[in-house]
C-alpha atoms as a PDB file:
ATOM      1  CA  MET A   1     -14.925 -42.034  -8.089  1.00  0.00           C
ATOM      2  CA  SER A   2     -13.661 -43.444  -5.046  1.00  0.00           C
ATOM      3  CA  PRO A   3     -14.147 -41.533  -1.679  1.00  0.00           C
ATOM      4  CA  GLU A   4     -10.535 -41.093  -1.405  1.00  0.00           C
ATOM      5  CA  LEU A   5     -10.413 -39.304  -4.741  1.00  0.00           C
ATOM      6  CA  ILE A   6     -13.331 -37.004  -3.749  1.00  0.00           C
ATOM      7  CA  ALA A   7     -11.608 -36.274  -0.709  1.00  0.00           C
ATOM      8  CA  ILE A   8      -8.143 -35.110  -2.316  1.00  0.00           C
ATOM      9  CA  LEU A   9     -10.188 -33.090  -4.893  1.00  0.00           C
ATOM     10  CA  THR A  10     -12.218 -31.448  -2.038  1.00  0.00           C
ATOM     11  CA  ILE A  11      -9.317 -30.533  -0.111  1.00  0.00           C
ATOM     12  CA  GLY A  12      -7.343 -29.210  -3.301  1.00  0.00           C
ATOM     13  CA  VAL A  13     -10.283 -27.004  -4.241  1.00  0.00           C
ATOM     14  CA  SER A  14     -10.660 -25.601  -0.646  1.00  0.00           C
ATOM     15  CA  LEU A  15      -6.677 -24.906  -0.369  1.00  0.00           C
ATOM     16  CA  GLY A  16      -6.666 -23.354  -3.712  1.00  0.00           C
ATOM     17  CA  GLY A  17      -9.955 -21.047  -2.323  1.00  0.00           C
ATOM     18  CA  GLY A  18      -7.943 -20.169   0.612  1.00  0.00           C
ATOM     19  CA  GLN A  19      -5.116 -19.123  -1.435  1.00  0.00           C
ATOM     20  CA  LEU A  20      -7.211 -17.077  -3.769  1.00  0.00           C
ATOM     21  CA  ALA A  21      -8.849 -15.214  -0.857  1.00  0.00           C
ATOM     22  CA  THR A  22      -5.297 -14.629   0.783  1.00  0.00           C
ATOM     23  CA  ALA A  23      -3.970 -12.953  -2.593  1.00  0.00           C
ATOM     24  CA  VAL A  24      -6.974 -11.096  -2.948  1.00  0.00           C
ATOM     25  CA  TRP A  25      -6.694  -9.818   0.835  1.00  0.00           C
ATOM     26  CA  VAL A  26      -3.206  -9.226   0.453  1.00  0.00           C
ATOM     27  CA  ALA A  27      -3.483  -7.055  -2.838  1.00  0.00           C
ATOM     28  CA  GLY A  28      -6.070  -4.817  -1.265  1.00  0.00           C
ATOM     29  CA  ARG A  29      -3.819  -4.259   1.900  1.00  0.00           C
ATOM     30  CA  PHE A  30      -0.925  -3.152  -0.609  1.00  0.00           C
ATOM     31  CA  GLU A  31      -3.314  -0.979  -2.415  1.00  0.00           C
ATOM     32  CA  ARG A  32      -4.329   0.821   0.698  1.00  0.00           C
ATOM     33  CA  VAL A  33      -0.501   1.176   1.939  1.00  0.00           C
ATOM     34  CA  GLY A  34       0.232   2.773  -1.594  1.00  0.00           C
ATOM     35  CA  ASN A  35      -2.665   5.189  -0.996  1.00  0.00           C
ATOM     36  CA  GLU A  36      -1.421   6.216   2.467  1.00  0.00           C
ATOM     37  CA  MET A  37       2.020   6.624   1.010  1.00  0.00           C
ATOM     38  CA  ALA A  38       0.910   8.708  -1.771  1.00  0.00           C
ATOM     39  CA  ASP A  39      -1.202  10.902   1.029  1.00  0.00           C
ATOM     40  CA  LEU A  40       2.023  11.264   3.118  1.00  0.00           C
ATOM     41  CA  ARG A  41       4.145  12.173   0.036  1.00  0.00           C
ATOM     42  CA  GLN A  42       1.736  14.939  -0.565  1.00  0.00           C
ATOM     43  CA  ARG A  43       1.658  16.174   3.067  1.00  0.00           C
ATOM     44  CA  LEU A  44       5.330  16.060   3.320  1.00  0.00           C
ATOM     45  CA  ALA A  45       5.902  18.254   0.214  1.00  0.00           C
ATOM     46  CA  ARG A  46       3.461  20.616   1.542  1.00  0.00           C
ATOM     47  CA  LEU A  47       5.341  20.884   4.839  1.00  0.00           C
ATOM     48  CA  GLU A  48       8.527  21.265   2.832  1.00  0.00           C
ATOM     49  CA  GLY A  49       7.046  24.195   1.122  1.00  0.00           C
ATOM     50  CA  LEU A  50       5.800  25.868   4.071  1.00  0.00           C
ATOM     51  CA  LEU A  51       9.436  25.602   5.965  1.00  0.00           C
ATOM     52  CA  ASP A  52      11.029  26.976   2.779  1.00  0.00           C
ATOM     53  CA  GLY A  53       8.609  29.904   2.844  1.00  0.00           C
ATOM     54  CA  LEU A  54       9.451  30.557   6.590  1.00  0.00           C
ATOM     55  CA  ARG A  55      13.185  30.315   5.843  1.00  0.00           C
ATOM     56  CA  GLU A  56      12.959  32.859   3.161  1.00  0.00           C
ATOM     57  CA  ALA A  57      10.713  35.096   5.415  1.00  0.00           C
ATOM     58  CA  ILE A  58      13.010  35.000   8.703  1.00  0.00           C
ATOM     59  CA  SER A  59      16.328  35.140   6.621  1.00  0.00           C
ATOM     60  CA  GLY A  60      15.650  36.868   3.498  1.00  0.00           C
ATOM     61  CA  TRP A  61      17.719  34.333   1.871  1.00  0.00           C
ATOM     62  CA  ARG A  62      16.374  32.265  -0.986  1.00  0.00           C
ATOM     63  CA  GLU A  63      17.716  28.996  -2.069  1.00  0.00           C
ATOM     64  CA  THR A  64      18.250  28.397  -5.855  1.00  0.00           C
ATOM     65  CA  VAL A  65      18.496  25.146  -7.242  1.00  0.00           C
END
């Protein structure tokens, strides 16, 4: 094998490895963001429930859906 072919293959493998590492890193970040959004969704639902209870306690009015 010629030195040029070895250099081309080496660069191809290193670029492929870099792309793979980046893809794994991005996937981990998306998973973390998804988990944080799920946590925020739960916290917001709890807050909405507390506000509904407060409204009912103050006004005596209950919303029917």
